[in-house]
């Protein structure tokens, strides 16, 4: 199936904006998290447990950002229709 040139650019623009908005939302959500791994290095020997917990919460924050970005871009369609 051959895609239209204009549609290809719109698709790439949506993918890029999804990533950019997801990253910005990630930064906003995780701003208050601090750096639990670095703070705990000197105090606790169970560093891997703390690191894994932090990784999970940051991963979830990023996925939330991607989901919100997809929703916003689907509603407002700033680059027109993809197909």
N, C-alpha and C. Protein backbone atom coordinates (compact mmCIF):
# COMPACT_ATOMS: atom_id res chain seq x y z
N UNK A 1 0.85 -1.18 0.00
CA UNK A 1 0.00 0.00 0.00
C UNK A 1 0.89 1.24 0.00
N UNK A 2 0.65 2.11 -0.92
CA UNK A 2 1.46 3.32 -1.04
C UNK A 2 0.79 4.46 -0.28
N UNK A 3 1.53 5.11 0.60
CA UNK A 3 0.99 6.24 1.36
C UNK A 3 1.23 7.54 0.61
N UNK A 4 0.36 8.49 0.82
CA UNK A 4 0.54 9.80 0.22
C UNK A 4 1.69 10.52 0.92
N UNK A 5 2.41 11.34 0.18
CA UNK A 5 3.54 12.07 0.75
C UNK A 5 3.08 12.97 1.89
N UNK A 6 2.00 13.67 1.68
CA UNK A 6 1.48 14.56 2.71
C UNK A 6 1.10 13.78 3.97
N UNK A 7 0.50 12.64 3.80
CA UNK A 7 0.11 11.81 4.93
C UNK A 7 1.34 11.32 5.69
N UNK A 8 2.40 10.99 4.95
CA UNK A 8 3.62 10.54 5.61
C UNK A 8 4.17 11.63 6.53
N UNK A 9 4.21 12.84 6.06
CA UNK A 9 4.72 13.93 6.88
C UNK A 9 3.83 14.14 8.11
N UNK A 10 2.52 14.04 7.93
CA UNK A 10 1.61 14.18 9.05
C UNK A 10 1.83 13.07 10.06
N UNK A 11 2.02 11.86 9.61
CA UNK A 11 2.26 10.73 10.49
C UNK A 11 3.54 10.94 11.30
N UNK A 12 4.61 11.37 10.63
CA UNK A 12 5.87 11.63 11.32
C UNK A 12 5.73 12.76 12.32
N UNK A 13 4.97 13.79 11.95
CA UNK A 13 4.75 14.91 12.86
C UNK A 13 4.00 14.45 14.11
N UNK A 14 3.01 13.60 13.94
CA UNK A 14 2.27 13.09 15.10
C UNK A 14 3.16 12.23 16.00
N UNK A 15 3.98 11.38 15.39
CA UNK A 15 4.88 10.54 16.18
C UNK A 15 5.87 11.41 16.95
N UNK A 16 6.44 12.40 16.30
CA UNK A 16 7.39 13.29 16.95
C UNK A 16 6.74 14.08 18.08
N UNK A 17 5.58 14.64 17.82
CA UNK A 17 4.90 15.44 18.85
C UNK A 17 4.46 14.56 20.02
N UNK A 18 4.08 13.31 19.75
CA UNK A 18 3.73 12.39 20.83
C UNK A 18 4.94 12.18 21.74
N UNK A 19 6.10 11.98 21.15
CA UNK A 19 7.30 11.77 21.93
C UNK A 19 7.69 13.04 22.70
N UNK A 20 7.63 14.19 22.05
CA UNK A 20 8.00 15.45 22.70
C UNK A 20 7.05 15.75 23.86
N UNK A 21 5.75 15.67 23.61
CA UNK A 21 4.79 15.94 24.67
C UNK A 21 4.89 14.91 25.79
N UNK A 22 5.10 13.65 25.45
CA UNK A 22 5.29 12.62 26.46
C UNK A 22 6.50 12.90 27.33
N UNK A 23 7.58 13.35 26.70
CA UNK A 23 8.79 13.69 27.46
C UNK A 23 8.58 14.89 28.37
N UNK A 24 7.87 15.90 27.89
CA UNK A 24 7.59 17.08 28.72
C UNK A 24 6.70 16.72 29.91
N UNK A 25 5.68 15.91 29.66
CA UNK A 25 4.80 15.49 30.75
C UNK A 25 5.58 14.64 31.75
N UNK A 26 6.48 13.79 31.25
CA UNK A 26 7.35 13.00 32.12
C UNK A 26 8.17 13.92 33.04
N UNK A 27 8.76 14.98 32.47
CA UNK A 27 9.55 15.90 33.28
C UNK A 27 8.71 16.59 34.34
N UNK A 28 7.50 16.97 33.99
CA UNK A 28 6.62 17.63 34.96
C UNK A 28 6.24 16.66 36.09
N UNK A 29 5.88 15.44 35.73
CA UNK A 29 5.45 14.46 36.73
C UNK A 29 6.62 14.08 37.65
N UNK A 30 7.80 13.87 37.09
CA UNK A 30 8.93 13.37 37.88
C UNK A 30 9.75 14.48 38.54
N UNK A 31 9.40 15.71 38.32
CA UNK A 31 10.14 16.83 38.91
C UNK A 31 10.19 16.73 40.44
N UNK A 32 9.11 16.30 41.04
CA UNK A 32 9.03 16.22 42.50
C UNK A 32 9.63 14.93 43.06
N UNK A 33 10.00 13.98 42.21
CA UNK A 33 10.52 12.70 42.67
C UNK A 33 11.92 12.80 43.29
N UNK A 34 12.69 13.77 42.88
CA UNK A 34 14.05 13.89 43.40
C UNK A 34 14.94 12.80 42.82
N UNK A 35 16.02 12.50 43.54
CA UNK A 35 16.95 11.46 43.10
C UNK A 35 17.12 10.42 44.20
N UNK A 36 16.14 9.53 44.35
CA UNK A 36 16.17 8.59 45.47
C UNK A 36 17.38 7.65 45.44
N UNK A 37 17.85 7.28 44.29
CA UNK A 37 18.99 6.37 44.21
C UNK A 37 20.25 7.04 44.74
N UNK A 38 20.54 8.22 44.25
CA UNK A 38 21.73 8.94 44.71
C UNK A 38 21.65 9.25 46.21
N UNK A 39 20.49 9.62 46.68
CA UNK A 39 20.33 9.96 48.09
C UNK A 39 20.52 8.74 49.00
N UNK A 40 20.17 7.57 48.51
CA UNK A 40 20.22 6.37 49.33
C UNK A 40 21.55 5.62 49.24
N UNK A 41 22.40 5.96 48.31
CA UNK A 41 23.65 5.23 48.11
C UNK A 41 24.46 5.14 49.39
N UNK A 42 24.56 6.19 50.11
CA UNK A 42 25.39 6.24 51.31
C UNK A 42 24.72 5.62 52.54
N UNK A 43 23.41 5.52 52.53
CA UNK A 43 22.68 5.11 53.73
C UNK A 43 22.24 3.65 53.75
N UNK A 44 21.90 3.09 52.58
CA UNK A 44 21.26 1.77 52.55
C UNK A 44 22.01 0.79 51.66
N UNK A 45 22.15 -0.44 52.10
CA UNK A 45 22.78 -1.46 51.24
C UNK A 45 21.80 -2.05 50.22
N UNK A 46 20.52 -1.85 50.40
CA UNK A 46 19.50 -2.43 49.49
C UNK A 46 19.27 -1.51 48.30
N UNK A 47 20.32 -1.13 47.63
CA UNK A 47 20.20 -0.14 46.55
C UNK A 47 19.41 -0.64 45.35
N UNK A 48 19.54 -1.89 45.03
CA UNK A 48 18.82 -2.41 43.86
C UNK A 48 17.31 -2.32 44.04
N UNK A 49 16.83 -2.56 45.24
CA UNK A 49 15.39 -2.47 45.50
C UNK A 49 14.89 -1.04 45.30
N UNK A 50 15.64 -0.09 45.80
CA UNK A 50 15.27 1.32 45.66
C UNK A 50 15.31 1.72 44.19
N UNK A 51 16.35 1.27 43.50
CA UNK A 51 16.49 1.61 42.08
C UNK A 51 15.32 1.04 41.27
N UNK A 52 14.96 -0.21 41.52
CA UNK A 52 13.87 -0.82 40.77
C UNK A 52 12.54 -0.10 41.01
N UNK A 53 12.32 0.31 42.24
CA UNK A 53 11.10 1.05 42.56
C UNK A 53 11.05 2.38 41.80
N UNK A 54 12.18 3.07 41.77
CA UNK A 54 12.26 4.34 41.06
C UNK A 54 12.07 4.15 39.56
N UNK A 55 12.68 3.11 39.02
CA UNK A 55 12.55 2.83 37.58
C UNK A 55 11.09 2.59 37.21
N UNK A 56 10.38 1.83 38.03
CA UNK A 56 8.96 1.54 37.75
C UNK A 56 8.11 2.81 37.76
N UNK A 57 8.31 3.67 38.76
CA UNK A 57 7.48 4.88 38.84
C UNK A 57 7.80 5.84 37.70
N UNK A 58 9.05 5.96 37.31
CA UNK A 58 9.42 6.84 36.20
C UNK A 58 8.95 6.28 34.86
N UNK A 59 9.02 4.96 34.70
CA UNK A 59 8.51 4.34 33.48
C UNK A 59 7.01 4.60 33.34
N UNK A 60 6.28 4.41 34.44
CA UNK A 60 4.84 4.64 34.41
C UNK A 60 4.52 6.10 34.10
N UNK A 61 5.30 7.03 34.66
CA UNK A 61 5.08 8.45 34.38
C UNK A 61 5.28 8.74 32.90
N UNK A 62 6.29 8.13 32.29
CA UNK A 62 6.52 8.35 30.86
C UNK A 62 5.38 7.78 30.03
N UNK A 63 4.92 6.58 30.36
CA UNK A 63 3.80 5.98 29.63
C UNK A 63 2.52 6.80 29.78
N UNK A 64 2.31 7.38 30.94
CA UNK A 64 1.16 8.27 31.13
C UNK A 64 1.28 9.47 30.21
N UNK A 65 2.48 10.02 30.13
CA UNK A 65 2.72 11.15 29.24
C UNK A 65 2.45 10.81 27.79
N UNK A 66 2.90 9.64 27.35
CA UNK A 66 2.64 9.20 25.97
C UNK A 66 1.15 9.04 25.74
N UNK A 67 0.45 8.43 26.68
CA UNK A 67 -1.00 8.25 26.54
C UNK A 67 -1.74 9.57 26.46
N UNK A 68 -1.39 10.52 27.32
CA UNK A 68 -2.03 11.84 27.30
C UNK A 68 -1.73 12.54 25.98
N UNK A 69 -0.49 12.42 25.49
CA UNK A 69 -0.12 13.05 24.22
C UNK A 69 -0.93 12.49 23.07
N UNK A 70 -1.10 11.17 23.04
CA UNK A 70 -1.89 10.55 21.97
C UNK A 70 -3.33 11.04 22.04
N UNK A 71 -3.88 11.11 23.24
CA UNK A 71 -5.25 11.59 23.41
C UNK A 71 -5.40 13.03 22.93
N UNK A 72 -4.50 13.91 23.35
CA UNK A 72 -4.57 15.33 22.96
C UNK A 72 -4.42 15.48 21.45
N UNK A 73 -3.45 14.77 20.85
CA UNK A 73 -3.24 14.88 19.41
C UNK A 73 -4.40 14.28 18.63
N UNK A 74 -5.04 13.26 19.16
CA UNK A 74 -6.21 12.67 18.50
C UNK A 74 -7.39 13.64 18.52
N UNK A 75 -7.55 14.32 19.62
CA UNK A 75 -8.68 15.26 19.75
C UNK A 75 -8.47 16.50 18.89
N UNK A 76 -7.30 17.12 18.98
CA UNK A 76 -7.08 18.41 18.31
C UNK A 76 -6.56 18.29 16.88
N UNK A 77 -5.93 17.19 16.52
CA UNK A 77 -5.40 16.95 15.17
C UNK A 77 -4.72 18.19 14.57
N UNK A 78 -3.65 18.68 15.19
CA UNK A 78 -3.00 19.90 14.71
C UNK A 78 -2.33 19.74 13.35
N UNK A 79 -2.08 18.53 12.88
CA UNK A 79 -1.42 18.31 11.61
C UNK A 79 -2.34 17.70 10.57
N UNK A 80 -3.63 17.76 10.79
CA UNK A 80 -4.58 17.21 9.84
C UNK A 80 -4.77 15.73 10.04
N UNK A 81 -5.50 15.11 9.13
CA UNK A 81 -5.75 13.67 9.19
C UNK A 81 -4.55 12.89 8.71
N UNK A 82 -4.32 11.74 9.29
CA UNK A 82 -3.19 10.90 8.88
C UNK A 82 -3.54 10.12 7.62
N UNK A 83 -4.72 9.57 7.57
CA UNK A 83 -5.11 8.73 6.43
C UNK A 83 -6.22 9.35 5.63
